[in-house]
């Protein structure tokens, strides 16, 4: 009996799926819950408790880190932004607006750039806190923004970028 390639391939996929499902089912039957205590206890060492588990570092606030942030490092972080933005005075708009003298100026205020209504509706001026929230997650800051960048999660990178953006001005705004 001769089977075509597609029949052999389909049978192989079906067999692999049955093996995965069967292994999972047997594993759940043998060990239905995670172990509550360590299976091995070494003599002389205390048992692991919540107090001996490593602590998860809470994300730091970029506003606290601004005073120590390095604008040179911020220029390196800005490389993530260069595909869509220019930092030069009088520089052109690209997919995103030119970012010269942004901090302290109007949101959606760059001349010649067509902002989304989500950002236009925010109103006000770019504060350090607002800019930090925006670069953390543009979509969370301005629901419906055209900016597709996912954001920068690391607080030290955001602080460095904010200090760099601050330096892109003839009269940089004071740090908070």
N, C-alpha and C. Protein backbone atom coordinates (compact mmCIF):
# COMPACT_ATOMS: atom_id res chain seq x y z
N UNK A 1 0.84 -1.17 0.00
CA UNK A 1 0.00 0.00 0.00
C UNK A 1 0.89 1.24 0.00
N UNK A 2 0.60 2.20 -0.84
CA UNK A 2 1.41 3.39 -1.01
C UNK A 2 0.64 4.61 -0.47
N UNK A 3 1.30 5.38 0.45
CA UNK A 3 0.68 6.58 1.01
C UNK A 3 1.37 7.81 0.45
N UNK A 4 0.60 8.86 0.20
CA UNK A 4 1.18 10.10 -0.32
C UNK A 4 1.90 10.84 0.81
N UNK A 5 2.70 11.81 0.42
CA UNK A 5 3.43 12.61 1.39
C UNK A 5 2.48 13.30 2.37
N UNK A 6 1.38 13.86 1.87
CA UNK A 6 0.44 14.58 2.73
C UNK A 6 -0.21 13.65 3.75
N UNK A 7 -0.51 12.41 3.35
CA UNK A 7 -1.09 11.45 4.29
C UNK A 7 -0.08 11.09 5.38
N UNK A 8 1.19 10.89 5.00
CA UNK A 8 2.24 10.59 5.98
C UNK A 8 2.44 11.77 6.92
N UNK A 9 2.47 12.97 6.35
CA UNK A 9 2.66 14.18 7.16
C UNK A 9 1.50 14.36 8.13
N UNK A 10 0.28 14.21 7.66
CA UNK A 10 -0.90 14.35 8.52
C UNK A 10 -0.91 13.32 9.63
N UNK A 11 -0.56 12.08 9.31
CA UNK A 11 -0.51 11.04 10.33
C UNK A 11 0.56 11.36 11.37
N UNK A 12 1.70 11.89 10.92
CA UNK A 12 2.79 12.24 11.84
C UNK A 12 2.35 13.34 12.80
N UNK A 13 1.70 14.35 12.26
CA UNK A 13 1.22 15.45 13.11
C UNK A 13 0.21 14.93 14.12
N UNK A 14 -0.70 14.08 13.69
CA UNK A 14 -1.71 13.52 14.59
C UNK A 14 -1.08 12.69 15.69
N UNK A 15 -0.08 11.89 15.35
CA UNK A 15 0.60 11.06 16.35
C UNK A 15 1.33 11.93 17.36
N UNK A 16 2.01 12.97 16.89
CA UNK A 16 2.72 13.88 17.80
C UNK A 16 1.74 14.57 18.73
N UNK A 17 0.60 15.00 18.21
CA UNK A 17 -0.40 15.65 19.06
C UNK A 17 -0.93 14.69 20.12
N UNK A 18 -1.18 13.42 19.73
CA UNK A 18 -1.63 12.43 20.71
C UNK A 18 -0.57 12.19 21.78
N UNK A 19 0.70 12.15 21.39
CA UNK A 19 1.77 11.93 22.37
C UNK A 19 1.86 13.10 23.36
N UNK A 20 1.77 14.32 22.87
CA UNK A 20 1.82 15.48 23.75
C UNK A 20 0.62 15.48 24.69
N UNK A 21 -0.56 15.25 24.15
CA UNK A 21 -1.76 15.23 24.98
C UNK A 21 -1.68 14.10 26.02
N UNK A 22 -1.24 12.93 25.59
CA UNK A 22 -1.14 11.79 26.51
C UNK A 22 -0.12 12.04 27.60
N UNK A 23 1.02 12.60 27.25
CA UNK A 23 2.05 12.90 28.25
C UNK A 23 1.53 13.92 29.25
N UNK A 24 0.83 14.93 28.78
CA UNK A 24 0.26 15.93 29.67
C UNK A 24 -0.78 15.31 30.61
N UNK A 25 -1.64 14.48 30.06
CA UNK A 25 -2.68 13.84 30.87
C UNK A 25 -2.07 12.95 31.93
N UNK A 26 -1.09 12.14 31.56
CA UNK A 26 -0.43 11.25 32.53
C UNK A 26 0.30 12.09 33.58
N UNK A 27 0.97 13.17 33.15
CA UNK A 27 1.67 14.04 34.10
C UNK A 27 0.72 14.67 35.10
N UNK A 28 -0.45 15.10 34.64
CA UNK A 28 -1.43 15.69 35.56
C UNK A 28 -2.00 14.66 36.51
N UNK A 29 -2.09 13.42 36.08
CA UNK A 29 -2.60 12.36 36.94
C UNK A 29 -1.57 12.00 38.00
N UNK A 30 -0.31 11.92 37.62
CA UNK A 30 0.75 11.54 38.55
C UNK A 30 1.03 12.66 39.56
N UNK A 31 1.09 13.88 39.10
CA UNK A 31 1.40 15.02 39.96
C UNK A 31 0.36 16.11 39.72
N UNK A 32 -0.82 16.00 40.35
CA UNK A 32 -1.90 16.93 40.06
C UNK A 32 -1.66 18.36 40.54
N UNK A 33 -0.85 18.56 41.60
CA UNK A 33 -0.58 19.89 42.13
C UNK A 33 0.92 20.09 42.24
N UNK A 34 1.37 21.33 42.21
CA UNK A 34 2.79 21.57 42.44
C UNK A 34 3.17 21.17 43.86
N UNK A 35 4.39 20.72 44.04
CA UNK A 35 4.87 20.32 45.36
C UNK A 35 4.88 21.51 46.30
N UNK A 36 4.45 21.30 47.54
CA UNK A 36 4.40 22.39 48.51
C UNK A 36 5.71 22.52 49.28
N UNK A 37 6.50 21.48 49.31
CA UNK A 37 7.77 21.51 50.02
C UNK A 37 8.85 20.94 49.10
N UNK A 38 10.08 21.27 49.43
CA UNK A 38 11.19 20.78 48.64
C UNK A 38 11.29 19.26 48.77
N UNK A 39 11.53 18.58 47.68
CA UNK A 39 11.62 17.12 47.69
C UNK A 39 12.92 16.67 48.34
N UNK A 40 13.95 17.49 48.30
CA UNK A 40 15.25 17.13 48.87
C UNK A 40 15.58 18.14 49.95
N UNK A 41 15.94 17.63 51.13
CA UNK A 41 16.35 18.50 52.23
C UNK A 41 17.80 18.19 52.54
N UNK A 42 18.66 19.19 52.46
CA UNK A 42 20.08 19.01 52.74
C UNK A 42 20.30 19.29 54.21
N UNK A 43 20.99 18.37 54.87
CA UNK A 43 21.24 18.49 56.30
C UNK A 43 22.05 19.76 56.58
N UNK A 44 21.63 20.49 57.58
CA UNK A 44 22.34 21.69 57.98
C UNK A 44 21.83 22.97 57.33
N UNK A 45 20.98 22.84 56.33
CA UNK A 45 20.42 24.03 55.70
C UNK A 45 18.95 24.16 56.05
N UNK A 46 18.50 25.36 56.34
CA UNK A 46 17.08 25.53 56.65
C UNK A 46 16.23 25.31 55.39
N UNK A 47 15.00 24.90 55.62
CA UNK A 47 14.08 24.71 54.50
C UNK A 47 13.75 26.07 53.88
N UNK A 48 13.50 26.06 52.60
CA UNK A 48 13.17 27.30 51.90
C UNK A 48 11.82 27.83 52.37
N UNK A 49 11.78 29.11 52.68
CA UNK A 49 10.54 29.77 53.07
C UNK A 49 10.39 31.01 52.21
N UNK A 50 9.28 31.68 52.36
CA UNK A 50 9.05 32.90 51.58
C UNK A 50 10.12 33.96 51.87
N UNK A 51 10.63 33.99 53.11
CA UNK A 51 11.61 35.01 53.46
C UNK A 51 12.97 34.73 52.84
N UNK A 52 13.26 33.47 52.47
CA UNK A 52 14.56 33.16 51.87
C UNK A 52 14.51 33.18 50.35
N UNK A 53 13.34 33.32 49.78
CA UNK A 53 13.24 33.40 48.32
C UNK A 53 13.76 34.75 47.86
N UNK A 54 14.36 34.80 46.68
CA UNK A 54 14.86 36.09 46.19
C UNK A 54 13.73 37.09 45.98
N UNK A 55 14.02 38.31 46.30
CA UNK A 55 13.03 39.37 46.14
C UNK A 55 13.01 39.83 44.68
N UNK A 56 11.83 40.10 44.17
CA UNK A 56 11.68 40.63 42.83
C UNK A 56 11.83 42.14 42.92
N UNK A 57 12.71 42.69 42.10
CA UNK A 57 12.94 44.14 42.12
C UNK A 57 11.73 44.86 41.53
N UNK A 58 11.26 45.84 42.26
CA UNK A 58 10.17 46.66 41.76
C UNK A 58 10.75 47.64 40.75
N UNK A 59 10.00 47.95 39.69
CA UNK A 59 10.51 48.92 38.73
C UNK A 59 10.70 50.28 39.38
N UNK A 60 11.81 50.91 39.08
CA UNK A 60 12.08 52.21 39.66
C UNK A 60 11.36 53.29 38.87
N UNK A 61 11.10 54.38 39.53
CA UNK A 61 10.45 55.51 38.89
C UNK A 61 11.51 56.33 38.17
N UNK A 62 11.30 56.59 36.90
CA UNK A 62 12.26 57.35 36.11
C UNK A 62 12.44 58.76 36.64
N UNK A 63 11.41 59.33 37.27
CA UNK A 63 11.50 60.70 37.79
C UNK A 63 12.57 60.79 38.88
N UNK A 64 12.72 59.73 39.67
CA UNK A 64 13.71 59.71 40.74
C UNK A 64 15.12 59.61 40.14
N UNK A 65 15.23 58.96 39.01
CA UNK A 65 16.53 58.71 38.39
C UNK A 65 17.03 59.85 37.51
N UNK A 66 16.22 60.88 37.28
CA UNK A 66 16.60 61.96 36.36
C UNK A 66 17.88 62.67 36.77
N UNK A 67 18.07 62.90 38.06
CA UNK A 67 19.23 63.66 38.53
C UNK A 67 20.54 62.95 38.19
N UNK A 68 20.53 61.62 38.18
CA UNK A 68 21.76 60.86 37.91
C UNK A 68 21.86 60.39 36.46
N UNK A 69 20.85 60.66 35.66
CA UNK A 69 20.81 60.14 34.29
C UNK A 69 21.85 60.83 33.41
N UNK A 70 22.39 60.09 32.47
CA UNK A 70 23.42 60.57 31.57
C UNK A 70 22.84 60.84 30.17
N UNK A 71 22.92 62.09 29.69
CA UNK A 71 22.37 62.38 28.37
C UNK A 71 23.09 61.62 27.24
N UNK A 72 24.37 61.26 27.44
CA UNK A 72 25.07 60.46 26.41
C UNK A 72 24.44 59.08 26.29
N UNK A 73 24.06 58.52 27.41
CA UNK A 73 23.36 57.23 27.37
C UNK A 73 21.98 57.43 26.74
N UNK A 74 21.33 58.54 27.04
CA UNK A 74 20.04 58.85 26.44
C UNK A 74 20.13 58.96 24.92
N UNK A 75 21.26 59.47 24.42
CA UNK A 75 21.45 59.55 22.97
C UNK A 75 21.51 58.16 22.36
N UNK A 76 22.10 57.22 23.10
CA UNK A 76 22.14 55.82 22.63
C UNK A 76 20.74 55.22 22.65
N UNK A 77 19.98 55.51 23.70
CA UNK A 77 18.60 55.01 23.79
C UNK A 77 17.76 55.61 22.66
N UNK A 78 18.07 56.86 22.31
CA UNK A 78 17.33 57.54 21.24
C UNK A 78 17.49 56.84 19.89
N UNK A 79 18.49 55.98 19.76
CA UNK A 79 18.66 55.23 18.51
C UNK A 79 17.42 54.40 18.19
N UNK A 80 16.66 54.02 19.22
CA UNK A 80 15.40 53.29 19.00
C UNK A 80 14.35 54.20 18.36
N UNK A 81 14.53 55.49 18.51
CA UNK A 81 13.54 56.47 18.04
C UNK A 81 13.89 57.06 16.67
N UNK A 82 15.17 56.92 16.27
CA UNK A 82 15.67 57.60 15.07
C UNK A 82 14.98 57.18 13.78
N UNK A 83 14.39 56.01 13.75
CA UNK A 83 13.73 55.58 12.52
C UNK A 83 12.55 56.49 12.20
N UNK A 84 11.93 57.05 13.23
CA UNK A 84 10.72 57.86 13.02
C UNK A 84 10.88 59.33 13.40
N UNK A 85 11.88 59.68 14.21
CA UNK A 85 12.03 61.05 14.73
C UNK A 85 13.41 61.60 14.43
N UNK A 86 13.50 62.92 14.30
CA UNK A 86 14.78 63.61 14.19
C UNK A 86 14.98 64.46 15.42
N UNK A 87 16.24 64.59 15.90
CA UNK A 87 16.49 65.39 17.10
C UNK A 87 17.06 66.78 16.81
N UNK A 88 17.31 67.12 15.57
CA UNK A 88 18.03 68.35 15.22
C UNK A 88 17.11 69.56 15.23
N UNK A 89 17.70 70.70 15.59
CA UNK A 89 16.96 71.96 15.54
C UNK A 89 16.59 72.25 14.09
N UNK A 90 15.30 72.45 13.85
CA UNK A 90 14.82 72.70 12.49
C UNK A 90 14.80 71.46 11.61
N UNK A 91 15.02 70.31 12.23
CA UNK A 91 15.04 69.06 11.47
C UNK A 91 13.67 68.72 10.93
N UNK A 92 13.63 67.85 9.92
CA UNK A 92 12.35 67.52 9.30
C UNK A 92 11.54 66.55 10.15
N UNK A 93 10.24 66.57 9.91
CA UNK A 93 9.38 65.55 10.49
C UNK A 93 9.53 64.30 9.63
N UNK A 94 9.43 63.16 10.25
CA UNK A 94 9.44 61.90 9.50
C UNK A 94 8.09 61.26 9.73
N UNK A 95 8.10 59.97 10.02
CA UNK A 95 6.86 59.30 10.39
C UNK A 95 6.33 59.92 11.68
N UNK A 96 7.26 60.32 12.55
CA UNK A 96 6.94 61.03 13.78
C UNK A 96 7.50 62.45 13.70
N UNK A 97 7.10 63.31 14.63
CA UNK A 97 7.55 64.70 14.58
C UNK A 97 9.01 64.87 15.00
N UNK A 98 9.60 65.99 14.61
CA UNK A 98 10.93 66.36 15.08
C UNK A 98 10.82 66.61 16.59
N UNK A 99 11.82 66.17 17.35
CA UNK A 99 11.73 66.25 18.82
C UNK A 99 12.57 67.36 19.43
N UNK A 100 13.04 68.29 18.63
CA UNK A 100 13.80 69.42 19.18
C UNK A 100 12.87 70.26 20.05
N UNK A 101 13.31 70.57 21.26
CA UNK A 101 12.59 71.45 22.19
C UNK A 101 11.16 70.95 22.48
N UNK A 102 11.04 69.67 22.77
CA UNK A 102 9.73 69.08 23.06
C UNK A 102 9.32 69.29 24.51
N UNK A 103 10.23 69.00 25.45
CA UNK A 103 9.90 69.10 26.88
C UNK A 103 9.53 70.55 27.20
N UNK A 104 8.37 70.72 27.81
CA UNK A 104 7.89 72.05 28.20
C UNK A 104 7.06 72.74 27.14
N UNK A 105 6.96 72.15 25.96
CA UNK A 105 6.16 72.75 24.89
C UNK A 105 4.86 71.98 24.71
N UNK A 106 3.98 72.51 23.86
CA UNK A 106 2.65 71.94 23.68
C UNK A 106 2.71 70.51 23.14
N UNK A 107 1.82 69.68 23.69
CA UNK A 107 1.63 68.34 23.12
C UNK A 107 1.00 68.55 21.75
N UNK A 108 1.41 67.76 20.82
CA UNK A 108 0.91 67.89 19.44
C UNK A 108 1.19 69.28 18.91
N UNK A 109 2.36 69.84 19.26
CA UNK A 109 2.65 71.22 18.91
C UNK A 109 3.70 71.41 17.84
N UNK A 110 4.30 70.35 17.32
CA UNK A 110 5.31 70.51 16.27
C UNK A 110 4.63 70.96 14.98
N UNK A 111 5.11 72.05 14.45
CA UNK A 111 4.52 72.61 13.22
C UNK A 111 4.73 71.65 12.05
N UNK A 112 3.69 71.52 11.24
CA UNK A 112 3.79 70.73 10.03
C UNK A 112 3.62 69.24 10.21
N UNK A 113 3.29 68.79 11.43
CA UNK A 113 3.07 67.37 11.65
C UNK A 113 1.61 67.12 11.96
N UNK A 114 1.03 66.11 11.34
CA UNK A 114 -0.38 65.79 11.53
C UNK A 114 -0.51 64.76 12.67
N UNK A 115 -0.82 65.23 13.86
CA UNK A 115 -0.96 64.37 15.03
C UNK A 115 -2.31 63.66 15.03
N UNK A 116 -2.37 62.54 15.74
CA UNK A 116 -3.64 61.85 15.92
C UNK A 116 -4.51 62.67 16.88
N UNK A 117 -5.81 62.50 16.76
CA UNK A 117 -6.71 63.23 17.65
C UNK A 117 -6.52 62.80 19.10
N UNK A 118 -6.06 61.57 19.32
CA UNK A 118 -5.82 61.09 20.68
C UNK A 118 -4.78 61.95 21.38
N UNK A 119 -3.74 62.34 20.67
CA UNK A 119 -2.70 63.18 21.27
C UNK A 119 -3.12 64.65 21.28
N UNK A 120 -3.83 65.09 20.26
CA UNK A 120 -4.32 66.48 20.24
C UNK A 120 -5.26 66.73 21.41
N UNK A 121 -6.10 65.74 21.73
CA UNK A 121 -7.08 65.89 22.80
C UNK A 121 -6.45 65.92 24.19
N UNK A 122 -5.21 65.45 24.32
CA UNK A 122 -4.53 65.47 25.62
C UNK A 122 -4.33 66.90 26.10
N UNK A 123 -3.96 67.79 25.18
CA UNK A 123 -3.75 69.19 25.54
C UNK A 123 -2.63 69.39 26.54
N UNK A 124 -2.32 70.62 26.82
CA UNK A 124 -1.30 70.95 27.79
C UNK A 124 0.10 70.87 27.21
N UNK A 125 1.07 70.97 28.10
CA UNK A 125 2.47 70.95 27.72
C UNK A 125 3.11 69.63 28.13
N UNK A 126 4.18 69.27 27.44
CA UNK A 126 4.91 68.05 27.78
C UNK A 126 5.71 68.26 29.06
N UNK A 127 5.27 67.65 30.15
CA UNK A 127 6.03 67.65 31.39
C UNK A 127 6.92 66.41 31.38
N UNK A 128 7.87 66.37 32.30
CA UNK A 128 8.72 65.18 32.39
C UNK A 128 7.88 63.94 32.71
N UNK A 129 6.92 64.12 33.60
CA UNK A 129 6.07 63.00 34.00
C UNK A 129 5.22 62.51 32.82
N UNK A 130 4.63 63.42 32.06
CA UNK A 130 3.83 63.02 30.90
C UNK A 130 4.69 62.35 29.84
N UNK A 131 5.88 62.90 29.60
CA UNK A 131 6.77 62.31 28.59
C UNK A 131 7.22 60.92 29.05
N UNK A 132 7.48 60.76 30.34
CA UNK A 132 7.85 59.44 30.87
C UNK A 132 6.71 58.45 30.65
N UNK A 133 5.49 58.86 30.95
CA UNK A 133 4.34 57.97 30.75
C UNK A 133 4.17 57.64 29.27
N UNK A 134 4.41 58.60 28.40
CA UNK A 134 4.25 58.38 26.97
C UNK A 134 5.30 57.41 26.44
N UNK A 135 6.57 57.60 26.82
CA UNK A 135 7.59 56.70 26.28
C UNK A 135 7.56 55.34 26.96
N UNK A 136 6.90 55.25 28.12
CA UNK A 136 6.72 53.93 28.74
C UNK A 136 5.75 53.11 27.89
N UNK A 137 4.64 53.71 27.51
CA UNK A 137 3.65 53.03 26.67
C UNK A 137 2.80 54.07 25.96
N UNK A 138 3.16 54.40 24.73
CA UNK A 138 2.39 55.42 24.01
C UNK A 138 0.91 55.09 23.91
N UNK A 139 0.58 53.84 23.71
CA UNK A 139 -0.83 53.44 23.55
C UNK A 139 -1.62 53.58 24.85
N UNK A 140 -0.97 53.38 25.99
CA UNK A 140 -1.67 53.55 27.27
C UNK A 140 -1.83 55.03 27.61
N UNK A 141 -0.85 55.84 27.22
CA UNK A 141 -0.91 57.27 27.52
C UNK A 141 -1.97 57.96 26.68
N UNK A 142 -2.01 57.66 25.40
CA UNK A 142 -2.97 58.30 24.49
C UNK A 142 -3.64 57.20 23.68
N UNK A 143 -4.76 56.72 24.20
CA UNK A 143 -5.50 55.66 23.51
C UNK A 143 -5.88 56.11 22.11
N UNK A 144 -5.46 55.34 21.11
CA UNK A 144 -5.76 55.68 19.73
C UNK A 144 -4.65 56.45 19.04
N UNK A 145 -3.48 56.55 19.68
CA UNK A 145 -2.37 57.26 19.04
C UNK A 145 -1.90 56.51 17.80
N UNK A 146 -1.34 57.25 16.85
CA UNK A 146 -0.81 56.62 15.64
C UNK A 146 0.56 56.00 15.89
N UNK A 147 1.20 56.34 17.00
CA UNK A 147 2.54 55.84 17.29
C UNK A 147 2.47 54.35 17.60
N UNK A 148 3.21 53.56 16.85
CA UNK A 148 3.14 52.10 17.00
C UNK A 148 4.25 51.55 17.89
N UNK A 149 5.15 52.38 18.36
CA UNK A 149 6.26 51.94 19.22
C UNK A 149 5.70 51.36 20.51
N UNK A 150 6.24 50.22 20.94
CA UNK A 150 5.73 49.55 22.14
C UNK A 150 6.07 50.29 23.43
N UNK A 151 7.16 51.02 23.44
CA UNK A 151 7.55 51.75 24.63
C UNK A 151 8.87 51.25 25.19
N UNK A 152 9.36 51.93 26.21
CA UNK A 152 10.62 51.57 26.87
C UNK A 152 10.28 51.26 28.32
N UNK A 153 10.47 50.01 28.72
CA UNK A 153 10.04 49.61 30.05
C UNK A 153 11.09 49.89 31.13
N UNK A 154 12.34 49.93 30.79
CA UNK A 154 13.41 50.09 31.78
C UNK A 154 13.50 51.56 32.22
N UNK A 155 13.32 51.79 33.52
CA UNK A 155 13.27 53.16 34.06
C UNK A 155 14.58 53.91 33.85
N UNK A 156 15.72 53.24 33.94
CA UNK A 156 16.99 53.93 33.75
C UNK A 156 17.13 54.40 32.31
N UNK A 157 16.65 53.61 31.36
CA UNK A 157 16.69 54.03 29.95
C UNK A 157 15.76 55.22 29.70
N UNK A 158 14.58 55.18 30.32
CA UNK A 158 13.64 56.30 30.16
C UNK A 158 14.20 57.58 30.75
N UNK A 159 14.82 57.47 31.93
CA UNK A 159 15.40 58.65 32.57
C UNK A 159 16.52 59.24 31.70
N UNK A 160 17.37 58.38 31.16
CA UNK A 160 18.45 58.85 30.29
C UNK A 160 17.87 59.50 29.03
N UNK A 161 16.83 58.91 28.46
CA UNK A 161 16.20 59.48 27.28
C UNK A 161 15.56 60.83 27.59
N UNK A 162 14.92 60.96 28.75
CA UNK A 162 14.31 62.24 29.13
C UNK A 162 15.37 63.33 29.28
N UNK A 163 16.49 62.99 29.89
CA UNK A 163 17.57 63.98 30.05
C UNK A 163 18.14 64.36 28.69
N UNK A 164 18.23 63.38 27.79
CA UNK A 164 18.70 63.68 26.43
C UNK A 164 17.69 64.58 25.71
N UNK A 165 16.40 64.26 25.79
CA UNK A 165 15.38 65.10 25.16
C UNK A 165 15.41 66.51 25.74
N UNK A 166 15.68 66.62 27.04
CA UNK A 166 15.80 67.92 27.69
C UNK A 166 16.93 68.72 27.08
N UNK A 167 18.02 68.03 26.73
CA UNK A 167 19.19 68.72 26.16
C UNK A 167 18.94 69.23 24.74
N UNK A 168 17.87 68.75 24.11
CA UNK A 168 17.55 69.17 22.75
C UNK A 168 16.76 70.48 22.79
N UNK A 169 17.41 71.52 23.27
CA UNK A 169 16.74 72.81 23.42
C UNK A 169 17.79 73.90 23.59
N UNK A 170 17.45 75.11 23.16
CA UNK A 170 18.34 76.24 23.39
C UNK A 170 18.30 76.64 24.85
N UNK A 171 17.16 76.42 25.52
CA UNK A 171 17.04 76.71 26.96
C UNK A 171 16.34 75.53 27.63
N UNK A 172 17.11 74.51 28.03
CA UNK A 172 16.53 73.32 28.65
C UNK A 172 15.70 73.64 29.89
N UNK A 173 14.58 72.95 30.03
CA UNK A 173 13.69 73.15 31.19
C UNK A 173 14.31 72.51 32.42
N UNK A 174 14.12 73.13 33.61
CA UNK A 174 14.70 72.56 34.83
C UNK A 174 14.11 71.19 35.14
N UNK A 175 14.96 70.36 35.74
CA UNK A 175 14.50 69.02 36.13
C UNK A 175 13.52 69.14 37.30
N UNK A 176 12.56 68.24 37.40
CA UNK A 176 11.61 68.30 38.51
C UNK A 176 12.27 67.98 39.83
